[in-house]
Amino acid sequence: MKKERIKIATPISDDAISRLEVGDSVALSGVIYTARDAAHKMLVEMLERGEDMPFPFEGSAVYYAGPSPTRPGAVIGAIGPTTSGRMDAYSPQLIRRGLKVMIGKGLRNGDVRAAIVECRGLYLVATGGAAALLSRSVKKAEIIAFHSLGTEAIRRLEVEDFPAIVAIDSRGRDIYD
C-alpha cells in the first residue's frame, strides 16, 4: 500500500517537525532558499561578525542546490540537490541560529545530526538525477544574496509540492543507518 505524501509548508513549526518521521515522503510548499558550500561559508562568517542574515532563519528551509541556466519562458533551470556533506562544517552553526530544514542528498555527519536533535530540525533528501522534474515545483525564483557567486548565489524560491523524503528526523533517526 502506497503511503500518502505529507504536505508541509514553510515556515515550518516545531509541531509539524515533531510529527514527521524518518522515511516519510513530503510535499513542501512555501519559501525555501538555495545555498551551497561557498554561500554557507559566507553565512557563517557573517554570523561570526554579528551581521544580520540575508533571509530569516527561524523556521526556514535551505536547499543545497545551484540551478542550471534558465530556459526562455521558464522560472528556473534544472535544480537538483548537491551532496550535503560539503555543508557539514557550517550546518550546526546555522541550525543553532534557527535553520529548521535542510534539503540535499547523501549522508550527514554526527555533529549535524546532534544539532538537528538539539534544535528540533529535519534533513530531507531530494532525488538526485531528477533536476528537471524538481524545477517544476518552483513557481518563482530570485537571487537575494551573494550575486558574485553566480549559480551558487542564494536564491529565494517559492515552491509548491516540492517532493522530498525525511532522511533525519527531529529525534535523530537516520534513513542511512
N, C-alpha and C. Protein backbone atom coordinates (compact mmCIF):
# COMPACT_ATOMS: atom_id res chain seq x y z
N MET A 1 0.83 -1.18 0.00
CA MET A 1 0.00 0.00 0.00
C MET A 1 0.87 1.24 0.00
N LYS A 2 0.65 2.14 -0.93
CA LYS A 2 1.44 3.37 -1.04
C LYS A 2 1.04 4.36 0.04
N LYS A 3 2.04 4.90 0.72
CA LYS A 3 1.81 5.89 1.76
C LYS A 3 1.65 7.27 1.12
N GLU A 4 0.69 8.04 1.60
CA GLU A 4 0.44 9.39 1.10
C GLU A 4 1.61 10.32 1.39
N ARG A 5 1.86 11.23 0.48
CA ARG A 5 2.85 12.27 0.72
C ARG A 5 2.27 13.27 1.71
N ILE A 6 3.04 13.63 2.73
CA ILE A 6 2.59 14.56 3.76
C ILE A 6 2.89 15.98 3.32
N LYS A 7 1.87 16.81 3.31
CA LYS A 7 2.05 18.21 2.90
C LYS A 7 2.55 19.02 4.09
N ILE A 8 3.64 19.77 3.86
CA ILE A 8 4.16 20.67 4.87
C ILE A 8 4.44 22.01 4.22
N ALA A 9 4.44 23.06 5.03
CA ALA A 9 4.65 24.41 4.50
C ALA A 9 5.67 25.16 5.33
N THR A 10 6.35 26.07 4.68
CA THR A 10 7.29 26.96 5.37
C THR A 10 6.58 28.26 5.70
N PRO A 11 6.99 28.94 6.79
CA PRO A 11 7.97 28.47 7.77
C PRO A 11 7.44 27.26 8.53
N ILE A 12 8.33 26.35 8.83
CA ILE A 12 7.94 25.08 9.43
C ILE A 12 7.93 25.19 10.95
N SER A 13 6.83 24.79 11.55
CA SER A 13 6.68 24.86 13.01
C SER A 13 7.31 23.63 13.66
N ASP A 14 7.65 23.79 14.94
CA ASP A 14 8.16 22.66 15.71
C ASP A 14 7.14 21.52 15.76
N ASP A 15 5.86 21.87 15.82
CA ASP A 15 4.80 20.86 15.86
C ASP A 15 4.81 20.02 14.58
N ALA A 16 4.90 20.68 13.43
CA ALA A 16 4.94 19.96 12.15
C ALA A 16 6.18 19.07 12.08
N ILE A 17 7.31 19.58 12.53
CA ILE A 17 8.55 18.82 12.52
C ILE A 17 8.44 17.58 13.40
N SER A 18 7.86 17.73 14.58
CA SER A 18 7.78 16.61 15.52
C SER A 18 6.88 15.48 15.01
N ARG A 19 5.96 15.78 14.11
CA ARG A 19 5.07 14.74 13.56
C ARG A 19 5.71 13.94 12.43
N LEU A 20 6.80 14.43 11.88
CA LEU A 20 7.44 13.74 10.76
C LEU A 20 8.45 12.72 11.26
N GLU A 21 8.52 11.60 10.54
CA GLU A 21 9.43 10.52 10.91
C GLU A 21 10.30 10.15 9.73
N VAL A 22 11.47 9.62 10.06
CA VAL A 22 12.39 9.19 9.02
C VAL A 22 11.65 8.27 8.04
N GLY A 23 11.86 8.51 6.75
CA GLY A 23 11.21 7.73 5.70
C GLY A 23 9.92 8.33 5.18
N ASP A 24 9.35 9.31 5.89
CA ASP A 24 8.13 9.95 5.41
C ASP A 24 8.40 10.69 4.09
N SER A 25 7.46 10.58 3.19
CA SER A 25 7.51 11.32 1.93
C SER A 25 6.73 12.61 2.12
N VAL A 26 7.36 13.74 1.78
CA VAL A 26 6.73 15.03 1.99
C VAL A 26 6.58 15.80 0.68
N ALA A 27 5.63 16.73 0.70
CA ALA A 27 5.44 17.69 -0.39
C ALA A 27 5.54 19.06 0.26
N LEU A 28 6.65 19.74 0.03
CA LEU A 28 6.95 21.00 0.69
C LEU A 28 6.47 22.18 -0.17
N SER A 29 5.75 23.10 0.46
CA SER A 29 5.29 24.30 -0.23
C SER A 29 5.68 25.53 0.59
N GLY A 30 5.85 26.65 -0.09
CA GLY A 30 6.22 27.89 0.57
C GLY A 30 7.54 28.40 0.05
N VAL A 31 8.28 29.08 0.91
CA VAL A 31 9.56 29.67 0.53
C VAL A 31 10.69 28.80 1.05
N ILE A 32 11.63 28.49 0.15
CA ILE A 32 12.88 27.84 0.53
C ILE A 32 14.01 28.67 -0.08
N TYR A 33 15.21 28.50 0.45
CA TYR A 33 16.36 29.25 -0.03
C TYR A 33 17.43 28.28 -0.51
N THR A 34 18.11 28.62 -1.60
CA THR A 34 19.22 27.80 -2.05
C THR A 34 20.51 28.32 -1.44
N ALA A 35 21.40 27.42 -1.10
CA ALA A 35 22.73 27.80 -0.62
C ALA A 35 23.62 26.57 -0.70
N ARG A 36 24.78 26.76 -1.29
CA ARG A 36 25.77 25.68 -1.35
C ARG A 36 26.96 26.04 -0.48
N ASP A 37 28.06 25.32 -0.62
CA ASP A 37 29.18 25.47 0.31
C ASP A 37 29.78 26.88 0.35
N ALA A 38 29.97 27.54 -0.78
CA ALA A 38 30.55 28.89 -0.76
C ALA A 38 29.63 29.85 0.01
N ALA A 39 28.33 29.75 -0.22
CA ALA A 39 27.38 30.60 0.49
C ALA A 39 27.34 30.26 1.98
N HIS A 40 27.42 28.98 2.31
CA HIS A 40 27.43 28.58 3.73
C HIS A 40 28.64 29.19 4.45
N LYS A 41 29.79 29.14 3.81
CA LYS A 41 30.99 29.73 4.41
C LYS A 41 30.76 31.22 4.66
N MET A 42 30.18 31.91 3.70
CA MET A 42 29.93 33.35 3.86
C MET A 42 28.90 33.62 4.95
N LEU A 43 27.87 32.78 5.05
CA LEU A 43 26.87 32.96 6.10
C LEU A 43 27.48 32.81 7.49
N VAL A 44 28.32 31.80 7.67
CA VAL A 44 28.96 31.59 8.97
C VAL A 44 29.90 32.76 9.29
N GLU A 45 30.62 33.25 8.30
CA GLU A 45 31.48 34.42 8.53
C GLU A 45 30.64 35.63 8.95
N MET A 46 29.47 35.80 8.35
CA MET A 46 28.57 36.90 8.73
C MET A 46 28.11 36.73 10.19
N LEU A 47 27.76 35.49 10.56
CA LEU A 47 27.36 35.22 11.94
C LEU A 47 28.48 35.58 12.91
N GLU A 48 29.69 35.19 12.58
CA GLU A 48 30.83 35.46 13.44
C GLU A 48 31.09 36.95 13.61
N ARG A 49 30.74 37.74 12.60
CA ARG A 49 30.90 39.20 12.68
C ARG A 49 29.68 39.88 13.29
N GLY A 50 28.65 39.10 13.62
CA GLY A 50 27.45 39.65 14.22
C GLY A 50 26.52 40.35 13.24
N GLU A 51 26.65 40.04 11.97
CA GLU A 51 25.82 40.66 10.94
C GLU A 51 24.49 39.94 10.79
N ASP A 52 23.51 40.66 10.28
CA ASP A 52 22.20 40.07 10.00
C ASP A 52 22.30 39.10 8.82
N MET A 53 21.50 38.07 8.87
CA MET A 53 21.45 37.10 7.79
C MET A 53 20.62 37.67 6.62
N PRO A 54 20.89 37.22 5.40
CA PRO A 54 20.17 37.76 4.24
C PRO A 54 18.73 37.24 4.11
N PHE A 55 18.34 36.31 4.96
CA PHE A 55 16.97 35.81 4.99
C PHE A 55 16.66 35.36 6.41
N PRO A 56 15.38 35.31 6.77
CA PRO A 56 15.02 34.89 8.14
C PRO A 56 15.28 33.40 8.33
N PHE A 57 16.05 33.06 9.35
CA PHE A 57 16.38 31.66 9.59
C PHE A 57 15.28 30.91 10.33
N GLU A 58 14.56 31.58 11.21
CA GLU A 58 13.57 30.90 12.06
C GLU A 58 12.52 30.17 11.22
N GLY A 59 12.51 28.85 11.31
CA GLY A 59 11.54 28.04 10.59
C GLY A 59 11.84 27.88 9.11
N SER A 60 13.02 28.31 8.67
CA SER A 60 13.32 28.30 7.24
C SER A 60 13.88 26.95 6.77
N ALA A 61 13.91 26.83 5.45
CA ALA A 61 14.45 25.64 4.79
C ALA A 61 15.49 26.08 3.77
N VAL A 62 16.61 25.37 3.74
CA VAL A 62 17.66 25.63 2.77
C VAL A 62 17.85 24.41 1.90
N TYR A 63 17.85 24.64 0.60
CA TYR A 63 18.03 23.59 -0.40
C TYR A 63 19.45 23.71 -0.93
N TYR A 64 20.22 22.66 -0.81
CA TYR A 64 21.58 22.64 -1.30
C TYR A 64 21.55 22.41 -2.80
N ALA A 65 21.45 23.50 -3.54
CA ALA A 65 21.31 23.40 -4.99
C ALA A 65 21.79 24.68 -5.65
N GLY A 66 22.22 24.55 -6.87
CA GLY A 66 22.54 25.67 -7.74
C GLY A 66 21.96 25.35 -9.10
N PRO A 67 21.01 26.13 -9.56
CA PRO A 67 20.32 25.79 -10.80
C PRO A 67 21.17 25.94 -12.05
N SER A 68 20.82 25.17 -13.07
CA SER A 68 21.42 25.36 -14.39
C SER A 68 20.77 26.61 -15.01
N PRO A 69 21.31 27.09 -16.12
CA PRO A 69 20.71 28.29 -16.75
C PRO A 69 19.22 28.09 -17.05
N THR A 70 18.49 29.19 -16.91
CA THR A 70 17.04 29.17 -17.12
C THR A 70 16.72 29.27 -18.61
N ARG A 71 15.89 28.38 -19.08
CA ARG A 71 15.42 28.42 -20.47
C ARG A 71 14.46 29.60 -20.64
N PRO A 72 14.37 30.17 -21.82
CA PRO A 72 13.39 31.24 -22.04
C PRO A 72 11.98 30.78 -21.67
N GLY A 73 11.28 31.63 -20.92
CA GLY A 73 9.92 31.33 -20.52
C GLY A 73 9.79 30.48 -19.27
N ALA A 74 10.93 29.95 -18.76
CA ALA A 74 10.89 29.12 -17.55
C ALA A 74 11.19 29.97 -16.32
N VAL A 75 10.79 29.47 -15.16
CA VAL A 75 11.05 30.16 -13.90
C VAL A 75 12.49 29.96 -13.46
N ILE A 76 13.01 28.76 -13.68
CA ILE A 76 14.35 28.39 -13.24
C ILE A 76 14.82 27.22 -14.09
N GLY A 77 16.13 27.02 -14.15
CA GLY A 77 16.66 25.85 -14.85
C GLY A 77 16.54 24.61 -13.98
N ALA A 78 17.09 23.52 -14.48
CA ALA A 78 17.10 22.29 -13.70
C ALA A 78 17.77 22.56 -12.36
N ILE A 79 17.20 22.01 -11.29
CA ILE A 79 17.69 22.34 -9.95
C ILE A 79 17.69 21.10 -9.05
N GLY A 80 18.75 20.32 -9.20
CA GLY A 80 18.88 19.10 -8.41
C GLY A 80 19.70 19.31 -7.15
N PRO A 81 19.62 18.38 -6.22
CA PRO A 81 20.33 18.51 -4.94
C PRO A 81 21.82 18.29 -5.09
N THR A 82 22.57 19.01 -4.26
CA THR A 82 24.02 18.87 -4.16
C THR A 82 24.33 17.97 -2.96
N THR A 83 25.47 17.31 -2.98
CA THR A 83 25.88 16.46 -1.88
C THR A 83 25.98 17.28 -0.59
N SER A 84 25.20 16.88 0.39
CA SER A 84 25.04 17.64 1.63
C SER A 84 26.28 17.67 2.52
N GLY A 85 27.09 16.64 2.47
CA GLY A 85 28.26 16.56 3.33
C GLY A 85 29.19 17.76 3.19
N ARG A 86 29.15 18.41 2.04
CA ARG A 86 30.01 19.59 1.83
C ARG A 86 29.60 20.76 2.73
N MET A 87 28.39 20.73 3.27
CA MET A 87 27.91 21.80 4.14
C MET A 87 28.06 21.45 5.62
N ASP A 88 28.51 20.23 5.92
CA ASP A 88 28.54 19.76 7.31
C ASP A 88 29.39 20.63 8.24
N ALA A 89 30.44 21.23 7.75
CA ALA A 89 31.30 22.07 8.60
C ALA A 89 30.56 23.33 9.07
N TYR A 90 29.56 23.75 8.32
CA TYR A 90 28.85 25.00 8.60
C TYR A 90 27.45 24.80 9.18
N SER A 91 26.83 23.69 8.87
CA SER A 91 25.42 23.48 9.21
C SER A 91 25.08 23.59 10.69
N PRO A 92 25.86 22.99 11.62
CA PRO A 92 25.47 23.09 13.03
C PRO A 92 25.30 24.54 13.51
N GLN A 93 26.17 25.45 13.08
CA GLN A 93 26.06 26.85 13.49
C GLN A 93 24.77 27.48 12.95
N LEU A 94 24.42 27.14 11.72
CA LEU A 94 23.21 27.71 11.11
C LEU A 94 21.95 27.11 11.73
N ILE A 95 22.00 25.84 12.06
CA ILE A 95 20.86 25.19 12.72
C ILE A 95 20.62 25.84 14.08
N ARG A 96 21.69 26.07 14.81
CA ARG A 96 21.56 26.69 16.13
C ARG A 96 21.08 28.14 16.04
N ARG A 97 21.22 28.73 14.88
CA ARG A 97 20.73 30.11 14.65
C ARG A 97 19.24 30.12 14.28
N GLY A 98 18.66 28.93 13.97
CA GLY A 98 17.23 28.87 13.69
C GLY A 98 16.86 28.12 12.43
N LEU A 99 17.84 27.76 11.60
CA LEU A 99 17.55 26.98 10.40
C LEU A 99 16.89 25.68 10.80
N LYS A 100 15.75 25.35 10.23
CA LYS A 100 15.00 24.17 10.65
C LYS A 100 15.12 22.99 9.69
N VAL A 101 15.21 23.27 8.40
CA VAL A 101 15.17 22.19 7.41
C VAL A 101 16.29 22.37 6.40
N MET A 102 16.97 21.29 6.12
CA MET A 102 17.97 21.26 5.06
C MET A 102 17.54 20.21 4.05
N ILE A 103 17.75 20.50 2.77
CA ILE A 103 17.37 19.59 1.70
C ILE A 103 18.59 19.36 0.82
N GLY A 104 18.93 18.12 0.60
CA GLY A 104 20.09 17.81 -0.23
C GLY A 104 20.07 16.35 -0.62
N LYS A 105 21.27 15.76 -0.67
CA LYS A 105 21.38 14.32 -0.92
C LYS A 105 22.60 13.79 -0.18
N GLY A 106 22.50 12.56 0.27
CA GLY A 106 23.62 11.90 0.90
C GLY A 106 23.67 12.02 2.41
N LEU A 107 24.69 11.41 2.97
CA LEU A 107 24.89 11.32 4.42
C LEU A 107 25.22 12.67 5.05
N ARG A 108 24.93 12.77 6.36
CA ARG A 108 25.33 13.92 7.19
C ARG A 108 26.19 13.38 8.32
N ASN A 109 27.06 14.23 8.87
CA ASN A 109 27.93 13.76 9.96
C ASN A 109 27.23 13.83 11.32
N GLY A 110 27.90 13.32 12.34
CA GLY A 110 27.32 13.27 13.68
C GLY A 110 27.04 14.63 14.28
N ASP A 111 27.87 15.63 13.97
CA ASP A 111 27.64 16.98 14.50
C ASP A 111 26.35 17.57 13.95
N VAL A 112 26.08 17.33 12.67
CA VAL A 112 24.84 17.84 12.06
C VAL A 112 23.65 17.12 12.68
N ARG A 113 23.75 15.81 12.82
CA ARG A 113 22.64 15.06 13.40
C ARG A 113 22.37 15.53 14.84
N ALA A 114 23.42 15.76 15.62
CA ALA A 114 23.24 16.23 17.00
C ALA A 114 22.57 17.60 17.03
N ALA A 115 22.95 18.50 16.12
CA ALA A 115 22.33 19.83 16.06
C ALA A 115 20.86 19.73 15.65
N ILE A 116 20.54 18.81 14.75
CA ILE A 116 19.15 18.60 14.34
C ILE A 116 18.31 18.18 15.54
N VAL A 117 18.82 17.27 16.34
CA VAL A 117 18.10 16.79 17.53
C VAL A 117 17.99 17.92 18.56
N GLU A 118 19.10 18.58 18.84
CA GLU A 118 19.14 19.66 19.83
C GLU A 118 18.14 20.78 19.50
N CYS A 119 18.02 21.11 18.22
CA CYS A 119 17.21 22.26 17.81
C CYS A 119 15.90 21.88 17.13
N ARG A 120 15.58 20.59 17.13
CA ARG A 120 14.33 20.08 16.55
C ARG A 120 14.20 20.47 15.07
N GLY A 121 15.09 19.94 14.27
CA GLY A 121 15.08 20.20 12.84
C GLY A 121 14.84 18.96 12.03
N LEU A 122 15.07 19.07 10.73
CA LEU A 122 14.91 17.95 9.80
C LEU A 122 15.96 18.03 8.70
N TYR A 123 16.33 16.88 8.20
CA TYR A 123 17.12 16.80 6.98
C TYR A 123 16.30 16.00 5.99
N LEU A 124 16.02 16.63 4.86
CA LEU A 124 15.26 15.99 3.79
C LEU A 124 16.19 15.68 2.62
N VAL A 125 15.90 14.61 1.92
CA VAL A 125 16.65 14.32 0.69
C VAL A 125 15.71 14.43 -0.50
N ALA A 126 16.28 15.01 -1.57
CA ALA A 126 15.58 15.10 -2.85
C ALA A 126 16.27 14.12 -3.79
N THR A 127 15.58 13.70 -4.80
CA THR A 127 16.10 12.70 -5.71
C THR A 127 17.15 13.29 -6.65
N GLY A 128 18.36 12.78 -6.52
CA GLY A 128 19.42 13.17 -7.45
C GLY A 128 19.09 12.65 -8.83
N GLY A 129 19.47 13.38 -9.87
CA GLY A 129 19.20 12.96 -11.23
C GLY A 129 17.82 13.37 -11.73
N ALA A 130 17.04 14.04 -10.89
CA ALA A 130 15.69 14.46 -11.27
C ALA A 130 15.57 15.98 -11.28
N ALA A 131 16.66 16.67 -11.62
CA ALA A 131 16.71 18.13 -11.52
C ALA A 131 15.65 18.83 -12.38
N ALA A 132 15.43 18.35 -13.58
CA ALA A 132 14.42 18.98 -14.44
C ALA A 132 13.02 18.79 -13.84
N LEU A 133 12.76 17.63 -13.30
CA LEU A 133 11.47 17.36 -12.67
C LEU A 133 11.29 18.23 -11.42
N LEU A 134 12.32 18.35 -10.60
CA LEU A 134 12.23 19.17 -9.39
C LEU A 134 11.97 20.63 -9.72
N SER A 135 12.49 21.11 -10.84
CA SER A 135 12.29 22.52 -11.22
C SER A 135 10.82 22.84 -11.47
N ARG A 136 10.02 21.85 -11.76
CA ARG A 136 8.58 22.08 -11.99
C ARG A 136 7.86 22.54 -10.72
N SER A 137 8.43 22.23 -9.56
CA SER A 137 7.83 22.65 -8.29
C SER A 137 8.13 24.11 -7.97
N VAL A 138 9.09 24.71 -8.66
CA VAL A 138 9.49 26.10 -8.40
C VAL A 138 8.58 27.03 -9.18
N LYS A 139 7.86 27.89 -8.44
CA LYS A 139 6.91 28.81 -9.06
C LYS A 139 7.47 30.22 -9.22
N LYS A 140 8.49 30.54 -8.43
CA LYS A 140 9.13 31.86 -8.51
C LYS A 140 10.54 31.72 -7.97
N ALA A 141 11.50 32.46 -8.56
CA ALA A 141 12.89 32.41 -8.11
C ALA A 141 13.53 33.78 -8.27
N GLU A 142 14.31 34.17 -7.24
CA GLU A 142 15.05 35.41 -7.34
C GLU A 142 16.32 35.32 -6.51
N ILE A 143 17.41 35.90 -7.01
CA ILE A 143 18.65 35.96 -6.25
C ILE A 143 18.49 37.02 -5.18
N ILE A 144 18.85 36.66 -3.92
CA ILE A 144 18.71 37.63 -2.82
C ILE A 144 20.03 37.96 -2.14
N ALA A 145 21.08 37.16 -2.38
CA ALA A 145 22.36 37.44 -1.72
C ALA A 145 23.51 36.78 -2.48
N PHE A 146 24.67 37.37 -2.33
CA PHE A 146 25.92 36.84 -2.88
C PHE A 146 25.87 36.66 -4.40
N HIS A 147 25.42 37.69 -5.09
CA HIS A 147 25.32 37.65 -6.56
C HIS A 147 26.61 37.21 -7.22
N SER A 148 27.75 37.58 -6.62
CA SER A 148 29.05 37.26 -7.22
C SER A 148 29.31 35.75 -7.30
N LEU A 149 28.55 34.96 -6.56
CA LEU A 149 28.74 33.50 -6.58
C LEU A 149 28.09 32.84 -7.79
N GLY A 150 27.39 33.60 -8.62
CA GLY A 150 26.77 33.04 -9.82
C GLY A 150 25.73 31.99 -9.47
N THR A 151 25.92 30.79 -9.99
CA THR A 151 24.94 29.73 -9.75
C THR A 151 24.81 29.38 -8.27
N GLU A 152 25.86 29.69 -7.48
CA GLU A 152 25.82 29.39 -6.05
C GLU A 152 25.28 30.55 -5.21
N ALA A 153 24.83 31.62 -5.85
CA ALA A 153 24.21 32.73 -5.11
C ALA A 153 23.00 32.20 -4.35
N ILE A 154 22.64 32.88 -3.27
CA ILE A 154 21.45 32.47 -2.53
C ILE A 154 20.22 32.95 -3.27
N ARG A 155 19.31 32.01 -3.51
CA ARG A 155 18.05 32.32 -4.18
C ARG A 155 16.89 32.08 -3.24
N ARG A 156 15.88 32.89 -3.38
CA ARG A 156 14.61 32.70 -2.68
C ARG A 156 13.68 32.03 -3.68
N LEU A 157 13.25 30.83 -3.36
CA LEU A 157 12.35 30.08 -4.23
C LEU A 157 10.99 29.95 -3.59
N GLU A 158 9.96 30.14 -4.37
CA GLU A 158 8.61 29.80 -3.94
C GLU A 158 8.30 28.47 -4.60
N VAL A 159 8.02 27.46 -3.77
CA VAL A 159 7.80 26.11 -4.29
C VAL A 159 6.40 25.62 -3.92
N GLU A 160 5.93 24.70 -4.73
CA GLU A 160 4.63 24.06 -4.48
C GLU A 160 4.80 22.56 -4.63
N ASP A 161 4.51 21.84 -3.56
CA ASP A 161 4.59 20.38 -3.55
C ASP A 161 5.96 19.86 -4.00
N PHE A 162 7.01 20.46 -3.48
CA PHE A 162 8.37 20.01 -3.76
C PHE A 162 8.56 18.65 -3.09
N PRO A 163 8.89 17.60 -3.87
CA PRO A 163 8.96 16.25 -3.29
C PRO A 163 10.29 15.97 -2.59
N ALA A 164 10.21 15.40 -1.39
CA ALA A 164 11.40 15.03 -0.64
C ALA A 164 11.05 13.92 0.35
N ILE A 165 12.08 13.35 0.94
CA ILE A 165 11.92 12.27 1.93
C ILE A 165 12.66 12.68 3.19
N VAL A 166 12.07 12.42 4.36
CA VAL A 166 12.72 12.72 5.63
C VAL A 166 13.87 11.71 5.81
N ALA A 167 15.10 12.24 5.80
CA ALA A 167 16.29 11.38 5.96
C ALA A 167 16.80 11.37 7.39
N ILE A 168 16.69 12.51 8.10
CA ILE A 168 16.98 12.56 9.54
C ILE A 168 15.83 13.31 10.18
N ASP A 169 15.16 12.66 11.13
CA ASP A 169 14.04 13.32 11.79
C ASP A 169 14.50 14.02 13.06
N SER A 170 13.60 14.70 13.71
CA SER A 170 13.94 15.52 14.88
C SER A 170 14.42 14.71 16.09
N ARG A 171 14.25 13.39 16.02
CA ARG A 171 14.73 12.52 17.09
C ARG A 171 16.09 11.91 16.75
N GLY A 172 16.61 12.26 15.58
CA GLY A 172 17.93 11.80 15.18
C GLY A 172 17.96 10.48 14.44
N ARG A 173 16.80 9.95 14.14
CA ARG A 173 16.77 8.71 13.36
C ARG A 173 17.19 9.03 11.93
N ASP A 174 18.06 8.19 11.37
CA ASP A 174 18.72 8.46 10.09
C ASP A 174 18.40 7.35 9.10
N ILE A 175 17.88 7.73 7.95
CA ILE A 175 17.50 6.75 6.93
C ILE A 175 18.71 5.94 6.44
N TYR A 176 19.91 6.50 6.59
CA TYR A 176 21.11 5.82 6.11
C TYR A 176 21.66 4.81 7.12
N ASP A 177 21.10 4.76 8.33
CA ASP A 177 21.56 3.78 9.33
C ASP A 177 20.93 2.43 9.10
